[in-house]
Protein backbone atom coordinates (compact mmCIF):
# COMPACT_ATOMS: atom_id res chain seq x y z
CA UNK A 1 140.63 154.11 140.64
CA UNK A 2 139.60 152.15 138.07
CA UNK A 3 141.68 153.06 134.30
CA UNK A 4 145.72 153.69 135.27
CA UNK A 5 147.85 155.18 133.76
CA UNK A 6 151.76 154.35 134.76
CA UNK A 7 154.33 156.69 133.32
CA UNK A 8 157.77 155.46 133.10
CA UNK A 9 155.73 151.96 133.21
CA UNK A 10 159.06 149.94 132.02
CA UNK A 11 161.06 151.30 134.76
CA UNK A 12 162.25 149.89 138.17
CA UNK A 13 159.20 151.45 140.72
CA UNK A 14 156.81 151.54 137.37
CA UNK A 15 156.88 147.83 136.41
CA UNK A 16 156.76 146.86 139.88
CA UNK A 17 153.71 148.81 140.35
CA UNK A 18 151.92 148.18 137.46
CA UNK A 19 152.70 144.19 138.01
CA UNK A 20 150.76 145.17 141.24
CA UNK A 21 148.18 146.84 139.76
CA UNK A 22 146.58 144.02 137.05
CA UNK A 23 147.50 141.60 140.09
CA UNK A 24 144.50 143.38 142.07
CA UNK A 25 142.25 143.91 139.06
CA UNK A 26 142.66 147.34 137.76
CA UNK A 27 143.09 148.27 133.98
CA UNK A 28 146.42 149.58 133.49
CA UNK A 29 148.10 151.02 130.63
CA UNK A 30 151.93 151.98 130.51
CA UNK A 31 153.22 154.89 128.50
CA UNK A 32 156.74 154.90 127.61
CA UNK A 33 159.11 155.86 125.19
CA UNK A 34 159.79 154.50 121.43
CA UNK A 35 163.68 153.26 122.98
CA UNK A 36 162.31 151.66 126.18
CA UNK A 37 164.01 148.97 126.96
CA UNK A 38 161.32 146.42 127.98
CA UNK A 39 163.35 143.82 129.86
CA UNK A 40 161.99 144.86 132.93
CA UNK A 41 158.03 144.28 132.22
CA UNK A 42 158.71 141.12 130.44
CA UNK A 43 155.75 138.88 131.57
CA UNK A 44 153.37 141.78 132.51
CA UNK A 45 150.75 141.73 129.74
CA UNK A 46 150.10 145.88 129.63
CA UNK A 47 148.72 147.69 126.83
CA UNK A 48 151.48 150.40 125.79
CA UNK A 49 151.10 153.96 124.62
CA UNK A 50 154.19 155.14 123.30
CA UNK A 51 155.62 159.03 123.65
CA UNK A 52 157.75 160.74 125.95
CA UNK A 53 156.79 163.26 129.17
CA UNK A 54 159.05 166.12 127.09
CA UNK A 55 155.99 165.74 124.47
CA UNK A 56 153.13 167.76 126.31
CA UNK A 57 150.89 166.56 123.10
CA UNK A 58 151.72 162.44 123.67
CA UNK A 59 151.06 162.10 127.25
CA UNK A 60 147.95 164.54 126.98
CA UNK A 61 146.50 161.69 124.49
CA UNK A 62 148.48 158.99 126.50
CA UNK A 63 145.71 159.93 129.55
CA UNK A 64 142.80 160.06 127.53
CA UNK A 65 140.22 157.80 129.02
CA UNK A 66 141.99 157.18 132.15
CA UNK A 67 140.68 158.56 135.70
CA UNK A 68 144.27 158.15 137.76
CA UNK A 69 147.95 158.58 136.88
CA UNK A 70 150.98 157.39 138.64
CA UNK A 71 153.77 159.64 137.09
CA UNK A 72 157.03 157.23 138.11
CA UNK A 73 159.10 158.36 135.17
CA UNK A 74 162.72 160.23 135.41
CA UNK A 75 165.87 160.11 134.75
CA UNK A 76 167.96 159.15 137.65
CA UNK A 77 171.80 160.02 137.82
CA UNK A 78 174.20 161.72 140.10
CA UNK A 79 176.67 162.76 136.61
CA UNK A 80 176.65 166.41 135.68
CA UNK A 81 177.23 165.31 131.74
CA UNK A 82 173.18 164.81 132.00
CA UNK A 83 171.92 167.62 134.07
CA UNK A 84 170.31 168.72 131.01
CA UNK A 85 168.41 165.72 130.30
CA UNK A 86 167.64 165.63 134.45
CA UNK A 87 166.08 168.76 134.12
CA UNK A 88 164.04 167.76 130.85
CA UNK A 89 162.55 164.78 131.84
CA UNK A 90 162.54 165.54 135.70
CA UNK A 91 161.58 169.18 135.82
CA UNK A 92 159.62 170.14 132.31
CA UNK A 93 158.30 166.04 132.30
CA UNK A 94 156.77 166.64 135.60
CA UNK A 95 155.39 170.03 134.43
CA UNK A 96 153.87 168.76 131.15
CA UNK A 97 151.93 165.78 133.20
CA UNK A 98 150.22 167.98 135.93
CA UNK A 99 149.29 170.68 133.10
CA UNK A 100 147.94 167.84 130.75
CA UNK A 101 146.25 165.69 133.50
CA UNK A 102 144.37 168.67 134.39
CA UNK A 103 143.14 169.70 130.99
CA UNK A 104 141.63 166.10 130.57
CA UNK A 105 140.21 166.04 133.89
CA UNK A 106 142.60 163.14 136.33
CA UNK A 107 140.68 162.40 139.02
CA UNK A 108 144.26 161.09 140.66
CA UNK A 109 148.06 161.87 140.08
CA UNK A 110 150.55 159.69 142.35
CA UNK A 111 153.81 162.08 141.67
CA UNK A 112 156.74 159.69 142.36
CA UNK A 113 159.72 161.88 143.72
CA UNK A 114 162.08 161.36 145.67
CA UNK A 115 163.63 162.06 149.44
CA UNK A 116 166.26 163.50 147.25
CA UNK A 117 163.72 167.04 147.97
CA UNK A 118 163.77 167.73 151.47
CA UNK A 119 166.41 169.12 152.61
CA UNK A 120 169.47 167.68 155.40
CA UNK A 121 169.64 167.85 158.97
CA UNK A 122 172.15 169.02 161.04
CA UNK A 123 170.74 168.24 164.56
CA UNK A 124 170.63 164.26 164.39
CA UNK A 125 167.26 164.17 163.78
CA UNK A 126 165.21 162.21 161.02
CA UNK A 127 164.43 163.92 157.96
CA UNK A 128 160.79 164.75 157.89
CA UNK A 129 158.54 166.06 155.75
CA UNK A 130 158.91 168.78 156.94
CA UNK A 131 162.53 169.53 156.48
CA UNK A 132 163.11 172.51 154.19
CA UNK A 133 165.03 171.75 151.20
CA UNK A 134 168.39 173.15 151.41
CA UNK A 135 171.07 171.79 148.70
CA UNK A 136 170.88 174.35 146.29
CA UNK A 137 174.12 175.62 146.80
CA UNK A 138 175.99 172.41 146.39
CA UNK A 139 174.37 172.41 142.89
CA UNK A 140 173.39 168.57 142.40
CA UNK A 141 171.27 168.40 139.54
CA UNK A 142 169.18 165.48 140.28
CA UNK A 143 168.34 166.61 143.49
CA UNK A 144 167.45 170.42 142.48
CA UNK A 145 165.18 168.82 140.23
CA UNK A 146 163.37 166.48 141.87
CA UNK A 147 162.69 169.51 144.09
CA UNK A 148 161.99 172.05 141.22
CA UNK A 149 159.43 169.24 139.99
CA UNK A 150 157.31 168.96 143.11
CA UNK A 151 156.95 172.80 143.24
CA UNK A 152 155.54 171.76 139.40
CA UNK A 153 152.92 169.36 141.15
CA UNK A 154 152.19 172.09 144.20
CA UNK A 155 151.38 174.72 141.19
CA UNK A 156 148.94 172.46 139.66
CA UNK A 157 146.90 171.57 143.37
CA UNK A 158 146.69 175.04 143.16
CA UNK A 159 144.82 175.16 140.05
CA UNK A 160 142.92 172.24 141.15
CA UNK A 161 144.66 168.84 140.40
CA UNK A 162 144.06 166.42 142.86
CA UNK A 163 147.78 165.24 143.24
CA UNK A 164 149.75 163.42 146.09
CA UNK A 165 153.64 162.70 146.12
CA UNK A 166 155.70 160.22 147.62
CA UNK A 167 159.18 160.23 148.08
CA UNK A 168 160.96 156.66 147.99
CA UNK A 169 164.63 156.43 149.78
CA UNK A 170 167.10 153.91 147.80
CA UNK A 171 165.01 151.26 146.30
CA UNK A 172 165.55 147.68 146.36
CA UNK A 173 163.96 144.93 144.80
CA UNK A 174 163.44 142.96 141.38
CA UNK A 175 163.72 144.30 138.35
CA UNK A 176 165.51 147.19 138.91
CA UNK A 177 167.37 147.00 135.67
CA UNK A 178 169.97 150.31 136.12
CA UNK A 179 171.31 149.20 139.28
CA UNK A 180 169.99 152.01 140.99
CA UNK A 181 169.32 150.53 144.69
CA UNK A 182 170.47 147.34 143.33
CA UNK A 183 174.47 148.89 143.16
CA UNK A 184 174.95 148.16 147.01
CA UNK A 185 174.56 144.54 146.22
CA UNK A 186 176.41 144.64 143.04
CA UNK A 187 179.45 147.04 145.01
CA UNK A 188 179.36 144.40 147.75
CA UNK A 189 179.33 140.87 145.31
CA UNK A 190 182.37 142.56 143.27
CA UNK A 191 184.19 143.04 146.22
CA UNK A 192 184.57 146.64 146.55
CA UNK A 193 182.15 146.88 149.98
CA UNK A 194 185.69 147.15 151.77
CA UNK A 195 186.36 150.33 151.04
CA UNK A 196 183.08 152.54 152.81
CA UNK A 197 181.95 156.10 153.89
CA UNK A 198 180.89 157.06 157.21
CA UNK A 199 177.32 157.45 156.11
CA UNK A 200 173.76 156.64 156.38
CA UNK A 201 172.11 154.87 153.85
CA UNK A 202 168.31 154.20 154.11
CA UNK A 203 167.41 150.89 151.79
CA UNK A 204 163.24 150.67 150.96
CA UNK A 205 162.21 147.59 149.40
CA UNK A 206 160.04 147.94 146.08
CA UNK A 207 156.84 145.94 147.32
CA UNK A 208 156.71 148.63 149.97
CA UNK A 209 157.13 151.42 147.93
CA UNK A 210 154.70 149.76 145.44
CA UNK A 211 152.28 149.75 148.04
CA UNK A 212 152.45 152.99 149.12
CA UNK A 213 152.17 154.56 146.01
CA UNK A 214 148.36 152.52 145.74
CA UNK A 215 147.55 153.75 149.15
CA UNK A 216 148.53 157.37 148.49
CA UNK A 217 145.98 156.94 145.50
CA UNK A 218 143.59 155.77 148.01
CA UNK A 219 143.69 157.68 151.30
CA UNK A 220 146.34 159.97 150.42
CA UNK A 221 145.69 163.91 151.01
CA UNK A 222 145.81 165.93 148.02
CA UNK A 223 148.71 168.01 148.40
CA UNK A 224 150.64 166.40 151.03
CA UNK A 225 153.74 164.30 150.70
CA UNK A 226 154.86 161.04 151.97
CA UNK A 227 158.19 159.77 152.69
CA UNK A 228 157.99 156.02 152.23
CA UNK A 229 161.42 154.37 153.52
CA UNK A 230 162.76 150.93 155.24
CA UNK A 231 165.48 150.93 157.81
CA UNK A 232 168.08 153.61 158.56
CA UNK A 233 171.36 152.43 158.13
CA UNK A 234 175.46 153.31 158.06
CA UNK A 235 176.76 152.43 154.85
CA UNK A 236 179.10 149.82 156.95
CA UNK A 237 176.43 148.15 158.95
CA UNK A 238 174.53 148.09 155.20
CA UNK A 239 177.30 146.43 153.83
CA UNK A 240 178.32 143.95 156.04
CA UNK A 241 174.12 142.47 156.47
CA UNK A 242 174.24 142.43 152.24
CA UNK A 243 177.44 140.30 152.35
CA UNK A 244 175.58 137.80 154.88
CA UNK A 245 173.08 137.04 151.73
CA UNK A 246 175.15 137.82 148.98
CA UNK A 247 178.35 136.73 150.05
CA UNK A 248 181.45 139.06 148.88
CA UNK A 249 183.82 140.97 151.26
CA UNK A 250 182.86 142.55 154.21
CA UNK A 251 183.85 146.18 154.85
CA UNK A 252 187.16 147.36 156.27
CA UNK A 253 188.59 150.28 155.35
CA UNK A 254 186.99 153.67 156.33
CA UNK A 255 187.54 155.99 153.27
CA UNK A 256 187.54 159.64 155.11
CA UNK A 257 185.05 162.31 152.37
CA UNK A 258 187.85 164.35 151.73
CA UNK A 259 190.21 161.48 149.90
CA UNK A 260 186.07 160.17 148.38
CA UNK A 261 185.91 163.87 147.23
CA UNK A 262 189.38 164.03 145.37
CA UNK A 263 188.47 159.80 143.72
CA UNK A 264 185.93 161.27 142.61
CA UNK A 265 187.54 164.22 140.71
CA UNK A 266 189.61 161.97 139.13
CA UNK A 267 186.46 159.26 137.89
CA UNK A 268 184.53 162.48 136.90
CA UNK A 269 187.55 163.48 134.55
CA UNK A 270 188.24 160.21 133.36
CA UNK A 271 184.64 159.92 132.73
CA UNK A 272 185.02 163.48 130.36
CA UNK A 273 188.02 162.03 128.48
CA UNK A 274 186.23 158.10 127.55
CA UNK A 275 182.40 159.29 127.70
CA UNK A 276 181.97 156.57 129.87
CA UNK A 277 179.81 156.50 133.12
CA UNK A 278 182.25 157.05 136.08
CA UNK A 279 181.78 154.90 139.23
CA UNK A 280 181.95 158.43 141.42
CA UNK A 281 180.98 161.72 140.93
CA UNK A 282 181.59 164.97 143.39
CA UNK A 283 177.82 165.26 143.23
CA UNK A 284 177.24 161.60 144.50
CA UNK A 285 179.69 162.31 147.03
CA UNK A 286 178.49 165.50 148.33
CA UNK A 287 174.46 163.65 148.62
CA UNK A 288 176.70 161.16 150.72
CA UNK A 289 178.61 163.62 152.97
CA UNK A 290 175.23 164.98 154.32
CA UNK A 291 172.60 162.39 154.29
CA UNK A 292 170.86 161.31 157.22
CA UNK A 293 168.41 159.19 158.96
CA UNK A 294 164.58 159.31 157.29
CA UNK A 295 161.03 158.87 159.39
CA UNK A 296 157.84 157.22 157.48
CA UNK A 297 155.66 157.93 160.62
CA UNK A 298 153.74 160.13 158.44
CA UNK A 299 152.72 157.76 155.67
CA UNK A 300 152.32 154.72 158.97
CA UNK A 301 149.99 157.00 159.75
CA UNK A 302 147.69 157.78 156.88
CA UNK A 303 148.52 155.43 154.61
CA UNK A 304 148.69 152.57 157.16
CA UNK A 305 152.32 152.02 154.99
CA UNK A 306 154.67 149.10 156.72
CA UNK A 307 158.34 148.48 156.30
CA UNK A 308 159.98 145.03 155.20
CA UNK A 309 162.76 144.14 156.43
CA UNK A 310 166.09 145.07 155.09
CA UNK A 311 167.22 141.24 154.18
CA UNK A 312 164.53 140.09 152.44
CA UNK A 313 164.64 143.19 150.35
CA UNK A 314 168.24 142.28 149.89
CA UNK A 315 167.37 138.54 148.84
CA UNK A 316 164.68 138.92 146.79
CA UNK A 317 166.92 141.59 144.81
CA UNK A 318 169.80 139.53 144.79
CA UNK A 319 167.66 135.84 143.62
CA UNK A 320 165.63 138.20 140.75
CA UNK A 321 169.29 139.23 139.56
CA UNK A 322 171.02 136.32 139.56
CA UNK A 323 167.81 134.49 137.98
CA UNK A 324 168.65 136.97 135.31
CA UNK A 325 172.22 136.69 135.30
CA UNK A 326 173.01 140.03 135.80
CA UNK A 327 175.35 139.29 138.85
C-alpha cells in the first residue's frame, strides 16, 4: 500500500481517512465531484481528481497509478424521493469502481459498506457477518442499495479483484457535515430528545472506523466483511449519555411505533408538498423498529480492531461542531 485513491474523499469517513493516511506517510489522492463541498477537508493538503462514480471512465482515469483504493463514496438517505440517486451512486457507482479497479489492476480495494447490508435478527442475538439480509420486503432503498452494492464487489472478487468490505454502524465524530451520526447530538441539543423510540442504536467513533479501513487494507481477507461498530445502546440510554455532555433535554416520553409511523407519513406528505427534507420518513421508522445490536468480534480478532468509548466519540464530535459554528 503506497499510492492510494479515496473516493468520496470530501465526505465524512473519506475526509477523516484521508487525513489519517497522509499522517502515516502515504501518497493519497481523493476522487470527488466538481460540486463537492470542500469544507470537510479544509486544512488537508491532498491531490484532487474530479469525476463521478457514475461515470466509469472518470473513475478509471483517477485510479491510474494507484495500488490501493478506498471506496467510501455513497449517498446516505432514508428519503424515498432520493431512491433513484441512491441506486445510481451506491449500486451502479460501486459496480463502476469495481470494474475499473479490475481493468487498471488495483492491488487492493476496501469498500465502505454499512451494517444496513446485513439483516435483522429476531432471536435476541447481536448481528454478525453471518446474518443474512432480510430487509427486502420492507422496501427501504438505502438498505437495499448497500446489499446490492456488496454483490457487485463480490462479483468482482470472483473475477480476481482483491477486495475487502467493511460495515460501519452509525458513525460519529469530527467532519460530519451532513449530521449523519451527528443527528443524535443535534437532536439532543435542540431539545428533541424527550421523545424517544424503544429501539437499539450502535454508535461508532469515526477514528475507529478509519482504523478499521486501514487494517482491512493491510490484513483483511479477500471477499470478507467486517463489522466496525461501537457500543450497543438503547436509544433512551444514548440520549441520556449524550445530554450529559452537550446539554439539552433528557428522554422522558417513549413514542409507540404506531404513532411514529403515522407521524412519519405526515412528515413525508409535507416534504412532498414543500420539497424539503422530512424530519422523519416511513423508511427510517421501519429501520428503527427492527434494528438490533451488533458485534465486532470478527474485526477484533482479524483486524486488531478496538472500540472507543461512546462518550469520547460524542465529545469530539460536539466540540468540532461548536468550533465550526454548526450547533
